[in-house]
Amino acid sequence: MPQLNPSPWFAILIFSWLIFLTIIPPKVLAHSFPNEPAPQSTKTLKTEPWDWPWH
């Protein structure tokens, strides 16, 4: 049974992981988000009370 011989499957596993680790991370890290978050201002806004028309 060829499944019991680990030498060819181990080499395939190592080479496939090396390929994945060299190709995929640059593609993922090159991804840019279309809407970059804008910095929020730290000043507090003054809120006005709202007058209800039925009071």
N, C-alpha and C. Protein backbone atom coordinates (compact mmCIF):
# COMPACT_ATOMS: atom_id res chain seq x y z
N MET A 1 0.85 -1.19 0.00
CA MET A 1 0.00 0.00 0.00
C MET A 1 0.89 1.25 0.00
N PRO A 2 0.77 2.11 -1.00
CA PRO A 2 1.67 3.26 -1.11
C PRO A 2 1.41 4.34 -0.06
N GLN A 3 0.25 4.32 0.59
CA GLN A 3 -0.04 5.34 1.59
C GLN A 3 0.84 5.19 2.83
N LEU A 4 1.42 3.99 3.04
CA LEU A 4 2.23 3.78 4.23
C LEU A 4 3.65 4.31 4.06
N ASN A 5 4.06 4.62 2.84
CA ASN A 5 5.39 5.16 2.60
C ASN A 5 5.29 6.69 2.66
N PRO A 6 5.80 7.33 3.73
CA PRO A 6 5.59 8.77 3.89
C PRO A 6 6.54 9.64 3.08
N SER A 7 7.58 9.07 2.50
CA SER A 7 8.60 9.92 1.87
C SER A 7 8.06 10.73 0.68
N PRO A 8 7.33 10.18 -0.29
CA PRO A 8 6.87 11.07 -1.38
C PRO A 8 5.79 12.04 -0.92
N TRP A 9 4.92 11.63 -0.01
CA TRP A 9 3.84 12.51 0.43
C TRP A 9 4.35 13.64 1.31
N PHE A 10 5.39 13.35 2.09
CA PHE A 10 5.96 14.40 2.93
C PHE A 10 6.62 15.47 2.06
N ALA A 11 7.32 15.05 1.02
CA ALA A 11 7.96 16.01 0.12
C ALA A 11 6.90 16.84 -0.61
N ILE A 12 5.82 16.21 -1.04
CA ILE A 12 4.73 16.95 -1.70
C ILE A 12 4.12 17.95 -0.73
N LEU A 13 3.94 17.56 0.51
CA LEU A 13 3.38 18.46 1.52
C LEU A 13 4.30 19.66 1.74
N ILE A 14 5.58 19.42 1.90
CA ILE A 14 6.53 20.51 2.14
C ILE A 14 6.59 21.47 0.94
N PHE A 15 6.69 20.93 -0.26
CA PHE A 15 6.77 21.78 -1.45
C PHE A 15 5.48 22.56 -1.69
N SER A 16 4.35 21.94 -1.43
CA SER A 16 3.09 22.67 -1.62
C SER A 16 2.97 23.81 -0.60
N TRP A 17 3.39 23.58 0.66
CA TRP A 17 3.35 24.66 1.64
C TRP A 17 4.34 25.76 1.30
N LEU A 18 5.51 25.39 0.77
CA LEU A 18 6.46 26.42 0.36
C LEU A 18 5.89 27.28 -0.76
N ILE A 19 5.21 26.65 -1.70
CA ILE A 19 4.59 27.41 -2.79
C ILE A 19 3.49 28.31 -2.25
N PHE A 20 2.65 27.78 -1.36
CA PHE A 20 1.57 28.60 -0.80
C PHE A 20 2.11 29.76 0.01
N LEU A 21 3.18 29.52 0.76
CA LEU A 21 3.72 30.59 1.60
C LEU A 21 4.50 31.63 0.82
N THR A 22 4.89 31.34 -0.41
CA THR A 22 5.59 32.35 -1.20
C THR A 22 4.68 33.08 -2.17
N ILE A 23 3.55 32.50 -2.53
CA ILE A 23 2.65 33.14 -3.50
C ILE A 23 1.52 33.90 -2.82
N ILE A 24 0.89 33.30 -1.84
CA ILE A 24 -0.34 33.89 -1.27
C ILE A 24 -0.09 35.12 -0.40
N PRO A 25 0.90 35.16 0.52
CA PRO A 25 1.04 36.36 1.37
C PRO A 25 1.25 37.66 0.63
N PRO A 26 2.07 37.74 -0.43
CA PRO A 26 2.16 39.03 -1.13
C PRO A 26 0.85 39.47 -1.75
N LYS A 27 0.05 38.51 -2.23
CA LYS A 27 -1.24 38.87 -2.82
C LYS A 27 -2.19 39.40 -1.75
N VAL A 28 -2.17 38.80 -0.59
CA VAL A 28 -3.05 39.24 0.49
C VAL A 28 -2.59 40.59 1.03
N LEU A 29 -1.28 40.77 1.19
CA LEU A 29 -0.78 42.02 1.73
C LEU A 29 -0.90 43.18 0.73
N ALA A 30 -1.00 42.88 -0.55
CA ALA A 30 -1.16 43.94 -1.55
C ALA A 30 -2.59 44.42 -1.66
N HIS A 31 -3.52 43.75 -0.98
CA HIS A 31 -4.93 44.15 -1.05
C HIS A 31 -5.11 45.48 -0.34
N SER A 32 -5.83 46.39 -0.97
CA SER A 32 -6.12 47.68 -0.34
C SER A 32 -7.63 47.84 -0.21
N PHE A 33 -8.04 48.42 0.87
CA PHE A 33 -9.45 48.65 1.10
C PHE A 33 -9.90 49.90 0.36
N PRO A 34 -11.07 49.90 -0.27
CA PRO A 34 -11.49 51.09 -1.03
C PRO A 34 -11.82 52.28 -0.16
N ASN A 35 -12.27 52.06 1.06
CA ASN A 35 -12.65 53.17 1.94
C ASN A 35 -11.73 53.17 3.15
N GLU A 36 -10.68 53.95 3.08
CA GLU A 36 -9.79 54.06 4.22
C GLU A 36 -10.47 54.88 5.31
N PRO A 37 -10.34 54.48 6.57
CA PRO A 37 -11.01 55.23 7.64
C PRO A 37 -10.37 56.61 7.82
N ALA A 38 -11.22 57.61 7.97
CA ALA A 38 -10.76 58.98 8.18
C ALA A 38 -10.61 59.22 9.68
N PRO A 39 -9.60 59.98 10.09
CA PRO A 39 -9.45 60.26 11.52
C PRO A 39 -10.59 61.14 12.03
N GLN A 40 -11.10 60.79 13.17
CA GLN A 40 -12.21 61.53 13.77
C GLN A 40 -11.65 62.68 14.61
N SER A 41 -12.40 63.77 14.67
CA SER A 41 -11.97 64.89 15.51
C SER A 41 -12.30 64.56 16.96
N THR A 42 -11.48 65.08 17.87
CA THR A 42 -11.64 64.76 19.29
C THR A 42 -12.46 65.81 20.03
N LYS A 43 -12.89 66.89 19.35
CA LYS A 43 -13.67 67.90 20.05
C LYS A 43 -15.09 67.38 20.29
N THR A 44 -15.67 67.79 21.40
CA THR A 44 -17.03 67.37 21.74
C THR A 44 -18.02 68.37 21.13
N LEU A 45 -19.07 67.84 20.56
CA LEU A 45 -20.08 68.69 19.95
C LEU A 45 -21.14 69.05 20.97
N LYS A 46 -21.64 70.30 20.87
CA LYS A 46 -22.69 70.74 21.79
C LYS A 46 -24.03 70.28 21.23
N THR A 47 -24.77 69.55 22.02
CA THR A 47 -26.07 69.07 21.58
C THR A 47 -27.16 70.01 22.07
N GLU A 48 -28.13 70.23 21.22
CA GLU A 48 -29.26 71.10 21.55
C GLU A 48 -30.46 70.23 21.90
N PRO A 49 -31.26 70.62 22.89
CA PRO A 49 -32.47 69.86 23.18
C PRO A 49 -33.50 70.06 22.05
N TRP A 50 -34.24 69.03 21.79
CA TRP A 50 -35.19 69.08 20.70
C TRP A 50 -36.57 69.39 21.27
N ASP A 51 -37.21 70.43 20.79
CA ASP A 51 -38.55 70.81 21.26
C ASP A 51 -39.58 69.98 20.51
N TRP A 52 -40.37 69.25 21.27
CA TRP A 52 -41.41 68.43 20.67
C TRP A 52 -42.60 69.33 20.29
N PRO A 53 -43.17 69.19 19.13
CA PRO A 53 -44.23 70.11 18.70
C PRO A 53 -45.54 69.94 19.47
N TRP A 54 -45.77 68.85 20.17
CA TRP A 54 -47.06 68.67 20.85
C TRP A 54 -47.02 69.05 22.31
N HIS A 55 -45.89 69.61 22.78
CA HIS A 55 -45.84 70.07 24.17
C HIS A 55 -46.03 71.54 24.26
